[in-house]
Amino acid sequence: MGVQIVHLQRDNLLHEYGLDTQRLKPWAVLNSPFESSWAVAAPRTRSTLHSHHEHEIFIAVRGSAVIECDGEQALFAEGDVAFFQPGKQHRLLNDGDDEFMFYSVWWDEKMSEEFLHRSRSGARS
């Protein structure tokens, strides 16, 4: 088959940043300039307030929650996409009674350079 699928494994989620996650990248069959993960926020949970040097996008998949970034809050619901610039303090707040699920993608210059190097090396082989 010409497609590779990674299935969400709810029984194997890791607890990171106060959420349950499954890292999807690095992924051996996918040469990409980013890393990513599924994230599940149980009802009445909040992720750890943090910042990092990478750019990051959250894609809301199911439910609704609130995103806090540099002290400001905004509703974040299924179908929404949020972008965090490097260095911004952010977290997710799920104060509701339902689970919230989102997909996170992050990248930086080093990841992009490594991607280009792998792409060029693979093209010569």
PDB file of N, CA and C in Angstrom:
ATOM      1  N   MET A   1       0.846  -1.179   0.000  1.00  0.00           N
ATOM      2  CA  MET A   1       0.000   0.000   0.000  1.00  0.00           C
ATOM      3  C   MET A   1       0.890   1.241   0.000  1.00  0.00           C
ATOM      4  N   GLY A   2       0.501   2.278  -0.683  1.00  0.00           N
ATOM      5  CA  GLY A   2       1.302   3.482  -0.827  1.00  0.00           C
ATOM      6  C   GLY A   2       1.124   4.511   0.266  1.00  0.00           C
ATOM      7  N   VAL A   3       0.450   4.161   1.347  1.00  0.00           N
ATOM      8  CA  VAL A   3       0.237   5.120   2.437  1.00  0.00           C
ATOM      9  C   VAL A   3       0.736   4.504   3.749  1.00  0.00           C
ATOM     10  N   GLN A   4       1.322   5.342   4.589  1.00  0.00           N
ATOM     11  CA  GLN A   4       1.752   4.929   5.927  1.00  0.00           C
ATOM     12  C   GLN A   4       0.842   5.616   6.937  1.00  0.00           C
ATOM     13  N   ILE A   5       0.287   4.864   7.858  1.00  0.00           N
ATOM     14  CA  ILE A   5      -0.638   5.419   8.845  1.00  0.00           C
ATOM     15  C   ILE A   5      -0.116   5.127  10.242  1.00  0.00           C
ATOM     16  N   VAL A   6      -0.118   6.157  11.084  1.00  0.00           N
ATOM     17  CA  VAL A   6       0.168   5.976  12.503  1.00  0.00           C
ATOM     18  C   VAL A   6      -1.165   6.157  13.222  1.00  0.00           C
ATOM     19  N   HIS A   7      -1.577   5.157  13.943  1.00  0.00           N
ATOM     20  CA  HIS A   7      -2.857   5.204  14.646  1.00  0.00           C
ATOM     21  C   HIS A   7      -2.680   5.777  16.047  1.00  0.00           C
ATOM     22  N   LEU A   8      -3.651   6.551  16.474  1.00  0.00           N
ATOM     23  CA  LEU A   8      -3.665   7.052  17.839  1.00  0.00           C
ATOM     24  C   LEU A   8      -3.802   5.851  18.771  1.00  0.00           C
ATOM     25  N   GLN A   9      -2.895   5.740  19.725  1.00  0.00           N
ATOM     26  CA  GLN A   9      -2.889   4.627  20.682  1.00  0.00           C
ATOM     27  C   GLN A   9      -3.211   5.167  22.071  1.00  0.00           C
ATOM     28  N   ARG A  10      -4.477   5.274  22.363  1.00  0.00           N
ATOM     29  CA  ARG A  10      -4.907   5.871  23.628  1.00  0.00           C
ATOM     30  C   ARG A  10      -4.339   5.173  24.851  1.00  0.00           C
ATOM     31  N   ASP A  11      -4.063   3.882  24.747  1.00  0.00           N
ATOM     32  CA  ASP A  11      -3.526   3.144  25.889  1.00  0.00           C
ATOM     33  C   ASP A  11      -2.038   3.408  26.116  1.00  0.00           C
ATOM     34  N   ASN A  12      -1.385   4.112  25.178  1.00  0.00           N
ATOM     35  CA  ASN A  12       0.049   4.362  25.268  1.00  0.00           C
ATOM     36  C   ASN A  12       0.398   5.839  25.308  1.00  0.00           C
ATOM     37  N   LEU A  13      -0.520   6.694  25.689  1.00  0.00           N
ATOM     38  CA  LEU A  13      -0.248   8.128  25.702  1.00  0.00           C
ATOM     39  C   LEU A  13       0.751   8.468  26.804  1.00  0.00           C
ATOM     40  N   LEU A  14       1.627   9.430  26.502  1.00  0.00           N
ATOM     41  CA  LEU A  14       2.582   9.934  27.481  1.00  0.00           C
ATOM     42  C   LEU A  14       1.996  11.177  28.143  1.00  0.00           C
ATOM     43  N   HIS A  15       2.370  11.440  29.376  1.00  0.00           N
ATOM     44  CA  HIS A  15       1.907  12.651  30.046  1.00  0.00           C
ATOM     45  C   HIS A  15       3.002  13.708  29.919  1.00  0.00           C
ATOM     46  N   GLU A  16       2.760  14.732  29.100  1.00  0.00           N
ATOM     47  CA  GLU A  16       3.715  15.810  28.862  1.00  0.00           C
ATOM     48  C   GLU A  16       2.995  17.145  28.969  1.00  0.00           C
ATOM     49  N   TYR A  17       3.635  18.114  29.572  1.00  0.00           N
ATOM     50  CA  TYR A  17       3.074  19.462  29.683  1.00  0.00           C
ATOM     51  C   TYR A  17       1.680  19.468  30.309  1.00  0.00           C
ATOM     52  N   GLY A  18       1.365  18.459  31.109  1.00  0.00           N
ATOM     53  CA  GLY A  18       0.064  18.388  31.765  1.00  0.00           C
ATOM     54  C   GLY A  18      -1.033  17.780  30.915  1.00  0.00           C
ATOM     55  N   LEU A  19      -0.677  17.277  29.731  1.00  0.00           N
ATOM     56  CA  LEU A  19      -1.641  16.668  28.811  1.00  0.00           C
ATOM     57  C   LEU A  19      -1.195  15.249  28.482  1.00  0.00           C
ATOM     58  N   ASP A  20      -2.092  14.468  27.901  1.00  0.00           N
ATOM     59  CA  ASP A  20      -1.751  13.145  27.403  1.00  0.00           C
ATOM     60  C   ASP A  20      -1.434  13.270  25.914  1.00  0.00           C
ATOM     61  N   THR A  21      -0.260  12.783  25.500  1.00  0.00           N
ATOM     62  CA  THR A  21       0.201  13.011  24.128  1.00  0.00           C
ATOM     63  C   THR A  21       0.732  11.740  23.480  1.00  0.00           C
ATOM     64  N   GLN A  22       0.754  11.790  22.167  1.00  0.00           N
ATOM     65  CA  GLN A  22       1.412  10.756  21.369  1.00  0.00           C
ATOM     66  C   GLN A  22       2.211  11.464  20.286  1.00  0.00           C
ATOM     67  N   ARG A  23       3.510  11.370  20.363  1.00  0.00           N
ATOM     68  CA  ARG A  23       4.369  11.999  19.357  1.00  0.00           C
ATOM     69  C   ARG A  23       4.246  11.253  18.040  1.00  0.00           C
ATOM     70  N   LEU A  24       4.079  11.999  16.959  1.00  0.00           N
ATOM     71  CA  LEU A  24       3.961  11.395  15.636  1.00  0.00           C
ATOM     72  C   LEU A  24       5.200  11.646  14.781  1.00  0.00           C
ATOM     73  N   LYS A  25       6.022  12.547  15.183  1.00  0.00           N
ATOM     74  CA  LYS A  25       7.253  12.830  14.464  1.00  0.00           C
ATOM     75  C   LYS A  25       8.307  13.068  15.516  1.00  0.00           C
ATOM     76  N   PRO A  26       9.488  12.476  15.453  1.00  0.00           N
ATOM     77  CA  PRO A  26      10.039  11.859  14.251  1.00  0.00           C
ATOM     78  C   PRO A  26       9.363  10.532  13.885  1.00  0.00           C
ATOM     79  N   TRP A  27       9.277  10.318  12.598  1.00  0.00           N
ATOM     80  CA  TRP A  27       8.621   9.153  12.012  1.00  0.00           C
ATOM     81  C   TRP A  27       9.510   8.702  10.869  1.00  0.00           C
ATOM     82  N   ALA A  28      10.024   7.492  10.931  1.00  0.00           N
ATOM     83  CA  ALA A  28      11.064   7.019  10.011  1.00  0.00           C
ATOM     84  C   ALA A  28      10.701   7.177   8.534  1.00  0.00           C
ATOM     85  N   VAL A  29       9.428   6.989   8.184  1.00  0.00           N
ATOM     86  CA  VAL A  29       9.056   7.054   6.762  1.00  0.00           C
ATOM     87  C   VAL A  29       8.766   8.468   6.282  1.00  0.00           C
ATOM     88  N   LEU A  30       8.756   9.432   7.193  1.00  0.00           N
ATOM     89  CA  LEU A  30       8.389  10.800   6.835  1.00  0.00           C
ATOM     90  C   LEU A  30       9.558  11.737   7.067  1.00  0.00           C
ATOM     91  N   ASN A  31      10.113  12.270   5.983  1.00  0.00           N
ATOM     92  CA  ASN A  31      11.140  13.291   6.075  1.00  0.00           C
ATOM     93  C   ASN A  31      10.411  14.631   6.080  1.00  0.00           C
ATOM     94  N   SER A  32      10.414  15.310   7.219  1.00  0.00           N
ATOM     95  CA  SER A  32       9.673  16.568   7.317  1.00  0.00           C
ATOM     96  C   SER A  32      10.480  17.599   8.084  1.00  0.00           C
ATOM     97  N   PRO A  33      10.184  18.876   7.875  1.00  0.00           N
ATOM     98  CA  PRO A  33      10.884  19.938   8.594  1.00  0.00           C
ATOM     99  C   PRO A  33      10.184  20.320   9.904  1.00  0.00           C
ATOM    100  N   PHE A  34       9.427  19.419  10.483  1.00  0.00           N
ATOM    101  CA  PHE A  34       8.678  19.698  11.701  1.00  0.00           C
ATOM    102  C   PHE A  34       8.571  18.443  12.551  1.00  0.00           C
ATOM    103  N   GLU A  35       8.120  18.622  13.786  1.00  0.00           N
ATOM    104  CA  GLU A  35       7.733  17.524  14.656  1.00  0.00           C
ATOM    105  C   GLU A  35       6.281  17.757  15.054  1.00  0.00           C
ATOM    106  N   SER A  36       5.616  16.700  15.548  1.00  0.00           N
ATOM    107  CA  SER A  36       4.201  16.859  15.859  1.00  0.00           C
ATOM    108  C   SER A  36       3.733  15.826  16.873  1.00  0.00           C
ATOM    109  N   SER A  37       2.538  16.076  17.415  1.00  0.00           N
ATOM    110  CA  SER A  37       1.933  15.117  18.336  1.00  0.00           C
ATOM    111  C   SER A  37       0.430  15.351  18.440  1.00  0.00           C
ATOM    112  N   TRP A  38      -0.267  14.281  18.812  1.00  0.00           N
ATOM    113  CA  TRP A  38      -1.650  14.388  19.246  1.00  0.00           C
ATOM    114  C   TRP A  38      -1.607  14.815  20.703  1.00  0.00           C
ATOM    115  N   ALA A  39      -2.595  15.557  21.136  1.00  0.00           N
ATOM    116  CA  ALA A  39      -2.688  15.916  22.549  1.00  0.00           C
ATOM    117  C   ALA A  39      -4.144  15.825  22.986  1.00  0.00           C
ATOM    118  N   VAL A  40      -4.340  15.257  24.159  1.00  0.00           N
ATOM    119  CA  VAL A  40      -5.674  15.093  24.724  1.00  0.00           C
ATOM    120  C   VAL A  40      -5.684  15.776  26.088  1.00  0.00           C
ATOM    121  N   ALA A  41      -6.611  16.706  26.258  1.00  0.00           N
ATOM    122  CA  ALA A  41      -6.795  17.380  27.544  1.00  0.00           C
ATOM    123  C   ALA A  41      -8.062  16.817  28.181  1.00  0.00           C
ATOM    124  N   ALA A  42      -7.881  16.104  29.265  1.00  0.00           N
ATOM    125  CA  ALA A  42      -9.025  15.550  29.987  1.00  0.00           C
ATOM    126  C   ALA A  42      -9.880  16.697  30.525  1.00  0.00           C
ATOM    127  N   PRO A  43     -11.136  16.414  30.843  1.00  0.00           N
ATOM    128  CA  PRO A  43     -11.981  17.453  31.429  1.00  0.00           C
ATOM    129  C   PRO A  43     -11.341  18.061  32.677  1.00  0.00           C
ATOM    130  N   ARG A  44     -11.497  19.382  32.820  1.00  0.00           N
ATOM    131  CA  ARG A  44     -11.015  20.129  33.976  1.00  0.00           C
ATOM    132  C   ARG A  44      -9.500  20.005  34.186  1.00  0.00           C
ATOM    133  N   THR A  45      -8.744  20.045  33.073  1.00  0.00           N
ATOM    134  CA  THR A  45      -7.282  20.028  33.168  1.00  0.00           C
ATOM    135  C   THR A  45      -6.701  21.237  32.449  1.00  0.00           C
ATOM    136  N   ARG A  46      -5.484  21.556  32.807  1.00  0.00           N
ATOM    137  CA  ARG A  46      -4.763  22.665  32.183  1.00  0.00           C
ATOM    138  C   ARG A  46      -3.347  22.198  31.864  1.00  0.00           C
ATOM    139  N   SER A  47      -2.868  22.577  30.715  1.00  0.00           N
ATOM    140  CA  SER A  47      -1.483  22.239  30.400  1.00  0.00           C
ATOM    141  C   SER A  47      -0.551  23.160  31.177  1.00  0.00           C
ATOM    142  N   THR A  48       0.694  22.782  31.224  1.00  0.00           N
ATOM    143  CA  THR A  48       1.716  23.556  31.910  1.00  0.00           C
ATOM    144  C   THR A  48       2.011  24.839  31.122  1.00  0.00           C
ATOM    145  N   LEU A  49       2.046  25.965  31.797  1.00  0.00           N
ATOM    146  CA  LEU A  49       2.417  27.220  31.152  1.00  0.00           C
ATOM    147  C   LEU A  49       3.887  27.116  30.765  1.00  0.00           C
ATOM    148  N   HIS A  50       4.189  27.354  29.484  1.00  0.00           N
ATOM    149  CA  HIS A  50       5.561  27.197  29.014  1.00  0.00           C
ATOM    150  C   HIS A  50       5.802  28.037  27.764  1.00  0.00           C
ATOM    151  N   SER A  51       7.070  28.162  27.410  1.00  0.00           N
ATOM    152  CA  SER A  51       7.455  28.780  26.147  1.00  0.00           C
ATOM    153  C   SER A  51       8.645  27.994  25.607  1.00  0.00           C
ATOM    154  N   HIS A  52       8.959  28.175  24.344  1.00  0.00           N
ATOM    155  CA  HIS A  52      10.095  27.491  23.729  1.00  0.00           C
ATOM    156  C   HIS A  52      10.544  28.262  22.506  1.00  0.00           C
ATOM    157  N   HIS A  53      11.648  27.841  21.934  1.00  0.00           N
ATOM    158  CA  HIS A  53      12.228  28.566  20.800  1.00  0.00           C
ATOM    159  C   HIS A  53      11.585  28.215  19.462  1.00  0.00           C
ATOM    160  N   GLU A  54      10.783  27.161  19.423  1.00  0.00           N
ATOM    161  CA  GLU A  54      10.139  26.751  18.167  1.00  0.00           C
ATOM    162  C   GLU A  54       8.872  27.563  17.895  1.00  0.00           C
ATOM    163  N   HIS A  55       8.495  27.641  16.631  1.00  0.00           N
ATOM    164  CA  HIS A  55       7.172  28.089  16.215  1.00  0.00           C
ATOM    165  C   HIS A  55       6.241  26.901  16.468  1.00  0.00           C
ATOM    166  N   GLU A  56       4.965  27.174  16.757  1.00  0.00           N
ATOM    167  CA  GLU A  56       4.046  26.069  17.034  1.00  0.00           C
ATOM    168  C   GLU A  56       2.642  26.406  16.547  1.00  0.00           C
ATOM    169  N   ILE A  57       1.975  25.375  16.037  1.00  0.00           N
ATOM    170  CA  ILE A  57       0.576  25.484  15.623  1.00  0.00           C
ATOM    171  C   ILE A  57      -0.222  24.416  16.367  1.00  0.00           C
ATOM    172  N   PHE A  58      -1.374  24.810  16.901  1.00  0.00           N
ATOM    173  CA  PHE A  58      -2.351  23.866  17.445  1.00  0.00           C
ATOM    174  C   PHE A  58      -3.521  23.821  16.462  1.00  0.00           C
ATOM    175  N   ILE A  59      -4.009  22.620  16.176  1.00  0.00           N
ATOM    176  CA  ILE A  59      -5.196  22.438  15.346  1.00  0.00           C
ATOM    177  C   ILE A  59      -6.229  21.723  16.210  1.00  0.00           C
ATOM    178  N   ALA A  60      -7.329  22.407  16.514  1.00  0.00           N
ATOM    179  CA  ALA A  60      -8.378  21.833  17.366  1.00  0.00           C
ATOM    180  C   ALA A  60      -9.140  20.772  16.572  1.00  0.00           C
ATOM    181  N   VAL A  61      -9.212  19.571  17.135  1.00  0.00           N
ATOM    182  CA  VAL A  61      -9.839  18.450  16.441  1.00  0.00           C
ATOM    183  C   VAL A  61     -11.214  18.120  17.021  1.00  0.00           C
ATOM    184  N   ARG A  62     -11.315  18.121  18.362  1.00  0.00           N
ATOM    185  CA  ARG A  62     -12.603  17.776  18.977  1.00  0.00           C
ATOM    186  C   ARG A  62     -12.782  18.539  20.278  1.00  0.00           C
ATOM    187  N   GLY A  63     -13.960  19.130  20.415  1.00  0.00           N
ATOM    188  CA  GLY A  63     -14.299  19.822  21.640  1.00  0.00           C
ATOM    189  C   GLY A  63     -13.935  21.293  21.603  1.00  0.00           C
ATOM    190  N   SER A  64     -13.934  21.909  22.777  1.00  0.00           N
ATOM    191  CA  SER A  64     -13.541  23.311  22.890  1.00  0.00           C
ATOM    192  C   SER A  64     -12.779  23.504  24.189  1.00  0.00           C
ATOM    193  N   ALA A  65     -11.920  24.501  24.171  1.00  0.00           N
ATOM    194  CA  ALA A  65     -11.096  24.835  25.324  1.00  0.00           C
ATOM    195  C   ALA A  65     -10.751  26.314  25.224  1.00  0.00           C
ATOM    196  N   VAL A  66      -9.841  26.751  26.045  1.00  0.00           N
ATOM    197  CA  VAL A  66      -9.358  28.127  26.011  1.00  0.00           C
ATOM    198  C   VAL A  66      -7.847  28.078  25.882  1.00  0.00           C
ATOM    199  N   ILE A  67      -7.310  28.935  25.022  1.00  0.00           N
ATOM    200  CA  ILE A  67      -5.866  29.087  24.912  1.00  0.00           C
ATOM    201  C   ILE A  67      -5.479  30.355  25.649  1.00  0.00           C
ATOM    202  N   GLU A  68      -4.428  30.248  26.442  1.00  0.00           N
ATOM    203  CA  GLU A  68      -3.866  31.418  27.096  1.00  0.00           C
ATOM    204  C   GLU A  68      -2.488  31.654  26.498  1.00  0.00           C
ATOM    205  N   CYS A  69      -2.224  32.885  26.074  1.00  0.00           N
ATOM    206  CA  CYS A  69      -0.926  33.241  25.506  1.00  0.00           C
ATOM    207  C   CYS A  69      -0.526  34.621  26.018  1.00  0.00           C
ATOM    208  N   ASP A  70       0.605  34.671  26.695  1.00  0.00           N
ATOM    209  CA  ASP A  70       1.098  35.918  27.293  1.00  0.00           C
ATOM    210  C   ASP A  70       0.022  36.632  28.108  1.00  0.00           C
ATOM    211  N   GLY A  71      -0.752  35.830  28.887  1.00  0.00           N
ATOM    212  CA  GLY A  71      -1.743  36.381  29.800  1.00  0.00           C
ATOM    213  C   GLY A  71      -3.106  36.657  29.204  1.00  0.00           C
ATOM    214  N   GLU A  72      -3.242  36.581  27.877  1.00  0.00           N
ATOM    215  CA  GLU A  72      -4.545  36.791  27.236  1.00  0.00           C
ATOM    216  C   GLU A  72      -5.174  35.446  26.907  1.00  0.00           C
ATOM    217  N   GLN A  73      -6.517  35.395  26.954  1.00  0.00           N
ATOM    218  CA  GLN A  73      -7.227  34.146  26.707  1.00  0.00           C
ATOM    219  C   GLN A  73      -8.154  34.279  25.511  1.00  0.00           C
ATOM    220  N   ALA A  74      -8.314  33.150  24.782  1.00  0.00           N
ATOM    221  CA  ALA A  74      -9.217  33.111  23.630  1.00  0.00           C
ATOM    222  C   ALA A  74      -9.846  31.731  23.546  1.00  0.00           C
ATOM    223  N   LEU A  75     -11.115  31.687  23.165  1.00  0.00           N
ATOM    224  CA  LEU A  75     -11.807  30.421  22.936  1.00  0.00           C
ATOM    225  C   LEU A  75     -11.139  29.699  21.777  1.00  0.00           C
ATOM    226  N   PHE A  76     -10.976  28.396  21.912  1.00  0.00           N
ATOM    227  CA  PHE A  76     -10.327  27.558  20.894  1.00  0.00           C
ATOM    228  C   PHE A  76     -11.182  26.321  20.725  1.00  0.00           C
ATOM    229  N   ALA A  77     -11.828  26.175  19.548  1.00  0.00           N
ATOM    230  CA  ALA A  77     -12.801  25.108  19.341  1.00  0.00           C
ATOM    231  C   ALA A  77     -12.510  24.325  18.067  1.00  0.00           C
ATOM    232  N   GLU A  78     -13.126  23.169  17.988  1.00  0.00           N
ATOM    233  CA  GLU A  78     -12.990  22.253  16.849  1.00  0.00           C
ATOM    234  C   GLU A  78     -12.941  23.012  15.518  1.00  0.00           C
ATOM    235  N   GLY A  79     -11.886  22.745  14.733  1.00  0.00           N
ATOM    236  CA  GLY A  79     -11.716  23.397  13.440  1.00  0.00           C
ATOM    237  C   GLY A  79     -10.838  24.636  13.485  1.00  0.00           C
ATOM    238  N   ASP A  80     -10.540  25.155  14.677  1.00  0.00           N
ATOM    239  CA  ASP A  80      -9.695  26.341  14.809  1.00  0.00           C
ATOM    240  C   ASP A  80      -8.217  25.961  14.714  1.00  0.00           C
ATOM    241  N   VAL A  81      -7.403  26.920  14.286  1.00  0.00           N
ATOM    242  CA  VAL A  81      -5.955  26.771  14.235  1.00  0.00           C
ATOM    243  C   VAL A  81      -5.342  27.946  14.986  1.00  0.00           C
ATOM    244  N   ALA A  82      -4.389  27.675  15.873  1.00  0.00           N
ATOM    245  CA  ALA A  82      -3.716  28.725  16.640  1.00  0.00           C
ATOM    246  C   ALA A  82      -2.217  28.669  16.347  1.00  0.00           C
ATOM    247  N   PHE A  83      -1.604  29.833  16.203  1.00  0.00           N
ATOM    248  CA  PHE A  83      -0.165  29.919  15.954  1.00  0.00           C
ATOM    249  C   PHE A  83       0.513  30.636  17.109  1.00  0.00           C
ATOM    250  N   PHE A  84       1.585  30.038  17.640  1.00  0.00           N
ATOM    251  CA  PHE A  84       2.370  30.626  18.716  1.00  0.00           C
ATOM    252  C   PHE A  84       3.751  30.979  18.190  1.00  0.00           C
ATOM    253  N   GLN A  85       4.136  32.220  18.353  1.00  0.00           N
ATOM    254  CA  GLN A  85       5.479  32.642  17.987  1.00  0.00           C
ATOM    255  C   GLN A  85       6.462  32.153  19.041  1.00  0.00           C
ATOM    256  N   PRO A  86       7.719  31.959  18.664  1.00  0.00           N
ATOM    257  CA  PRO A  86       8.721  31.529  19.645  1.00  0.00           C
ATOM    258  C   PRO A  86       8.787  32.496  20.833  1.00  0.00           C
ATOM    259  N   GLY A  87       8.982  31.914  22.019  1.00  0.00           N
ATOM    260  CA  GLY A  87       9.149  32.715  23.227  1.00  0.00           C
ATOM    261  C   GLY A  87       7.865  33.142  23.903  1.00  0.00           C
ATOM    262  N   LYS A  88       6.704  32.883  23.310  1.00  0.00           N
ATOM    263  CA  LYS A  88       5.433  33.275  23.915  1.00  0.00           C
ATOM    264  C   LYS A  88       5.006  32.247  24.964  1.00  0.00           C
ATOM    265  N   GLN A  89       4.685  32.721  26.174  1.00  0.00           N
ATOM    266  CA  GLN A  89       4.173  31.852  27.241  1.00  0.00           C
ATOM    267  C   GLN A  89       2.760  31.412  26.860  1.00  0.00           C
ATOM    268  N   HIS A  90       2.523  30.088  26.820  1.00  0.00           N
ATOM    269  CA  HIS A  90       1.192  29.625  26.427  1.00  0.00           C
ATOM    270  C   HIS A  90       0.821  28.331  27.155  1.00  0.00           C
ATOM    271  N   ARG A  91      -0.488  28.104  27.173  1.00  0.00           N
ATOM    272  CA  ARG A  91      -1.035  26.865  27.726  1.00  0.00           C
ATOM    273  C   ARG A  91      -2.467  26.704  27.253  1.00  0.00           C
ATOM    274  N   LEU A  92      -2.995  25.502  27.480  1.00  0.00           N
ATOM    275  CA  LEU A  92      -4.367  25.181  27.111  1.00  0.00           C
ATOM    276  C   LEU A  92      -5.157  24.926  28.388  1.00  0.00           C
ATOM    277  N   LEU A  93      -6.362  25.475  28.474  1.00  0.00           N
ATOM    278  CA  LEU A  93      -7.224  25.300  29.639  1.00  0.00           C
ATOM    279  C   LEU A  93      -8.505  24.603  29.210  1.00  0.00           C
ATOM    280  N   ASN A  94      -8.729  23.428  29.751  1.00  0.00           N
ATOM    281  CA  ASN A  94      -9.982  22.724  29.491  1.00  0.00           C
ATOM    282  C   ASN A  94     -10.751  22.662  30.802  1.00  0.00           C
ATOM    283  N   ASP A  95     -11.532  23.696  31.063  1.00  0.00           N
ATOM    284  CA  ASP A  95     -12.309  23.758  32.291  1.00  0.00           C
ATOM    285  C   ASP A  95     -13.682  23.111  32.142  1.00  0.00           C
ATOM    286  N   GLY A  96     -13.958  22.547  30.949  1.00  0.00           N
ATOM    287  CA  GLY A  96     -15.257  21.940  30.680  1.00  0.00           C
ATOM    288  C   GLY A  96     -15.353  20.495  31.157  1.00  0.00           C
ATOM    289  N   ASP A  97     -16.493  19.881  30.869  1.00  0.00           N
ATOM    290  CA  ASP A  97     -16.767  18.512  31.295  1.00  0.00           C
ATOM    291  C   ASP A  97     -16.440  17.481  30.234  1.00  0.00           C
ATOM    292  N   ASP A  98     -15.973  17.920  29.057  1.00  0.00           N
ATOM    293  CA  ASP A  98     -15.669  17.004  27.962  1.00  0.00           C
ATOM    294  C   ASP A  98     -14.186  17.051  27.608  1.00  0.00           C
ATOM    295  N   GLU A  99     -13.705  15.945  27.092  1.00  0.00           N
ATOM    296  CA  GLU A  99     -12.323  15.862  26.629  1.00  0.00           C
ATOM    297  C   GLU A  99     -12.106  16.811  25.442  1.00  0.00           C
ATOM    298  N   PHE A 100     -10.915  17.368  25.354  1.00  0.00           N
ATOM    299  CA  PHE A 100     -10.539  18.219  24.219  1.00  0.00           C
ATOM    300  C   PHE A 100      -9.321  17.598  23.546  1.00  0.00           C
ATOM    301  N   MET A 101      -9.358  17.519  22.210  1.00  0.00           N
ATOM    302  CA  MET A 101      -8.254  16.917  21.479  1.00  0.00           C
ATOM    303  C   MET A 101      -7.740  17.896  20.427  1.00  0.00           C
ATOM    304  N   PHE A 102      -6.400  17.976  20.323  1.00  0.00           N
ATOM    305  CA  PHE A 102      -5.819  18.807  19.282  1.00  0.00           C
ATOM    306  C   PHE A 102      -4.536  18.176  18.761  1.00  0.00           C
ATOM    307  N   TYR A 103      -4.088  18.685  17.626  1.00  0.00           N
ATOM    308  CA  TYR A 103      -2.860  18.245  16.983  1.00  0.00           C
ATOM    309  C   TYR A 103      -1.889  19.413  17.034  1.00  0.00           C
ATOM    310  N   SER A 104      -0.669  19.151  17.455  1.00  0.00           N
ATOM    311  CA  SER A 104       0.344  20.188  17.599  1.00  0.00           C
ATOM    312  C   SER A 104       1.486  19.936  16.618  1.00  0.00           C
ATOM    313  N   VAL A 105       1.925  20.997  15.950  1.00  0.00           N
ATOM    314  CA  VAL A 105       3.048  20.929  15.017  1.00  0.00           C
ATOM    315  C   VAL A 105       4.032  22.029  15.409  1.00  0.00           C
ATOM    316  N   TRP A 106       5.321  21.693  15.525  1.00  0.00           N
ATOM    317  CA  TRP A 106       6.319  22.708  15.864  1.00  0.00           C
ATOM    318  C   TRP A 106       7.553  22.548  14.977  1.00  0.00           C
ATOM    319  N   TRP A 107       8.252  23.679  14.778  1.00  0.00           N
ATOM    320  CA  TRP A 107       9.423  23.679  13.910  1.00  0.00           C
ATOM    321  C   TRP A 107      10.341  24.836  14.276  1.00  0.00           C
ATOM    322  N   ASP A 108      11.591  24.706  13.857  1.00  0.00           N
ATOM    323  CA  ASP A 108      12.565  25.780  14.004  1.00  0.00           C
ATOM    324  C   ASP A 108      13.544  25.717  12.832  1.00  0.00           C
ATOM    325  N   GLU A 109      14.487  26.612  12.807  1.00  0.00           N
ATOM    326  CA  GLU A 109      15.434  26.684  11.693  1.00  0.00           C
ATOM    327  C   GLU A 109      16.273  25.417  11.586  1.00  0.00           C
ATOM    328  N   LYS A 110      16.704  24.865  12.719  1.00  0.00           N
ATOM    329  CA  LYS A 110      17.527  23.654  12.698  1.00  0.00           C
ATOM    330  C   LYS A 110      16.771  22.487  12.068  1.00  0.00           C
ATOM    331  N   MET A 111      15.504  22.312  12.408  1.00  0.00           N
ATOM    332  CA  MET A 111      14.695  21.235  11.815  1.00  0.00           C
ATOM    333  C   MET A 111      14.602  21.410  10.306  1.00  0.00           C
ATOM    334  N   SER A 112      14.431  22.654   9.867  1.00  0.00           N
ATOM    335  CA  SER A 112      14.348  22.933   8.431  1.00  0.00           C
ATOM    336  C   SER A 112      15.661  22.607   7.733  1.00  0.00           C
ATOM    337  N   GLU A 113      16.784  22.998   8.345  1.00  0.00           N
ATOM    338  CA  GLU A 113      18.097  22.706   7.757  1.00  0.00           C
ATOM    339  C   GLU A 113      18.343  21.208   7.678  1.00  0.00           C
ATOM    340  N   GLU A 114      17.981  20.475   8.738  1.00  0.00           N
ATOM    341  CA  GLU A 114      18.159  19.022   8.735  1.00  0.00           C
ATOM    342  C   GLU A 114      17.280  18.371   7.662  1.00  0.00           C
ATOM    343  N   PHE A 115      16.066  18.870   7.498  1.00  0.00           N
ATOM    344  CA  PHE A 115      15.169  18.371   6.459  1.00  0.00           C
ATOM    345  C   PHE A 115      15.792  18.566   5.074  1.00  0.00           C
ATOM    346  N   LEU A 116      16.302  19.758   4.818  1.00  0.00           N
ATOM    347  CA  LEU A 116      16.917  20.041   3.519  1.00  0.00           C
ATOM    348  C   LEU A 116      18.136  19.157   3.282  1.00  0.00           C
ATOM    349  N   HIS A 117      18.929  18.947   4.313  1.00  0.00           N
ATOM    350  CA  HIS A 117      20.108  18.084   4.180  1.00  0.00           C
ATOM    351  C   HIS A 117      19.692  16.649   3.845  1.00  0.00           C
ATOM    352  N   ARG A 118      18.687  16.123   4.569  1.00  0.00           N
ATOM    353  CA  ARG A 118      18.210  14.762   4.303  1.00  0.00           C
ATOM    354  C   ARG A 118      17.628  14.653   2.904  1.00  0.00           C
ATOM    355  N   SER A 119      16.887  15.670   2.495  1.00  0.00           N
ATOM    356  CA  SER A 119      16.263  15.666   1.158  1.00  0.00           C
ATOM    357  C   SER A 119      17.326  15.650   0.071  1.00  0.00           C
ATOM    358  N   ARG A 120      18.339  16.484   0.237  1.00  0.00           N
ATOM    359  CA  ARG A 120      19.410  16.557  -0.771  1.00  0.00           C
ATOM    360  C   ARG A 120      20.223  15.284  -0.784  1.00  0.00           C
ATOM    361  N   SER A 121      20.499  14.722   0.380  1.00  0.00           N
ATOM    362  CA  SER A 121      21.277  13.467   0.459  1.00  0.00           C
ATOM    363  C   SER A 121      20.498  12.319  -0.159  1.00  0.00           C
ATOM    364  N   GLY A 122      19.203  12.272   0.099  1.00  0.00           N
ATOM    365  CA  GLY A 122      18.361  11.214  -0.452  1.00  0.00           C
ATOM    366  C   GLY A 122      18.214  11.323  -1.958  1.00  0.00           C
ATOM    367  N   ALA A 123      18.227  12.543  -2.483  1.00  0.00           N
ATOM    368  CA  ALA A 123      18.064  12.741  -3.922  1.00  0.00           C
ATOM    369  C   ALA A 123      19.273  12.254  -4.689  1.00  0.00           C
ATOM    370  N   ARG A 124      20.462  12.257  -4.045  1.00  0.00           N
ATOM    371  CA  ARG A 124      21.682  11.831  -4.717  1.00  0.00           C
ATOM    372  C   ARG A 124      21.849  10.317  -4.697  1.00  0.00           C
ATOM    373  N   SER A 125      21.201   9.640  -3.772  1.00  0.00           N
ATOM    374  CA  SER A 125      21.400   8.204  -3.630  1.00  0.00           C
ATOM    375  C   SER A 125      20.796   7.411  -4.760  1.00  0.00           C
TER     376      SER A 125
END
